[in-house]
Amino acid sequence: MDLLFFGTQKWAATLLECVLDDPFFRVLAAVTQPDRPVGRGHALEAPPVKQTALARGVMVLQPETLTDAGFLTLVNALQPQIVLVIAYGRILPQRLLDIAPLGFINVHPSLLPRWRGPSPIQAAIAAGDEVSGVTIMRLDDKMDHGPILAQVEIRLAPDETPASFEQKVLAVTKRLLLNTLKEYAQGVVALREQQHTRATTCRLLTREDGRMDWNRPAEELERAVRAYQPWPGAWTSVSTGTRESRLKILEATVAPSVSGAARGQLIANANRLFVQTGSGTLELLTIQLEGKPPMSARAFLSGYARSIGNILA
């Protein structure tokens, strides 16, 4: 079966390998994002999907826009029977979706219709969902709205992070994807409409989403610390005596409230570091001051004891 692959991220590259290893499929090309500058030197870095495709001798397409006439002409000329889209990072226009007879098939890391949008793993962790999953669906002209081919539930651990859940999604998808595509192509899989009235959405995260709101309960803030790793990261502002510095919270846990403490107040007790929240306290286990390496609460107290009692912003 002639297949066109759209993807960008590392886990998409891993699934591209799986497709390439299956003789049922012939990958015509891999479409991915343009190379982007990274690091302090701003050197251009190729997306993981591009690196994998080139290593396997697959043609790579990196359009700046998906409505580019030259790109659309080339995709039409390739005549894919089916298109697989995994963590590509852009909304696909309808004129592109009409190209393949069997449509564009997407792998989405949530149990649709819950958490439609670009940050479903982070949203599930931040919301305290006990179960999420992976959905294989056919794309239509609305975001994560199309009919479902297959769906599998995956439980979230109490200490789940995006990185750990992504590995769970990858393991399930490796087992599920290829057979689902084959059965769909053979007419065995029936498409199932989503329950659109039960849909929830998530949005693209910004740096400001990582700012800790100390009026919220400690349980919510602890989930946010895990959900927003590595981007945008959980952070707050703290006075270190000479200036206000950004303080990243890399690891935290929930603790009981401290009597008399104000919301957002930084508290020390027995070489442990706490922040009073709207309900309970958040114990800061591993933190990182702007421009400094990660440190323990004990290390912070050794160098920045003058910050204790301050209100974090």
Foldseek 3Di string as FASTA:
>chain_A
DEEEEAAFAPLSLVVVVLQVVDPVYDYQAYEAAAFWQDDPVRDTDGTSNVVSCVVVVGHYHHDPDLPDPVNQVVLLVSQGQEYEYEHRPDQHAQSSQPRHVLGYKYKDFFAPLEAFEDQRQLVCLLVVPQKTWIWIFGDDNDTVFGWTQDIDIDGADPLDAPVVSVVVRSVVCSVPPPVSVVCVVVVNTDTHGGPVVPHDYDYDDDLVQQEDDQQDAQSSNQSSQRSQPPPPFHWWWFDLPPDIWIKGQNHKDWAAADPPADRQAWADDPLWIWGHGSGGIITRAWMATVPGDIDGSNVCCVRRVVRHGPGID
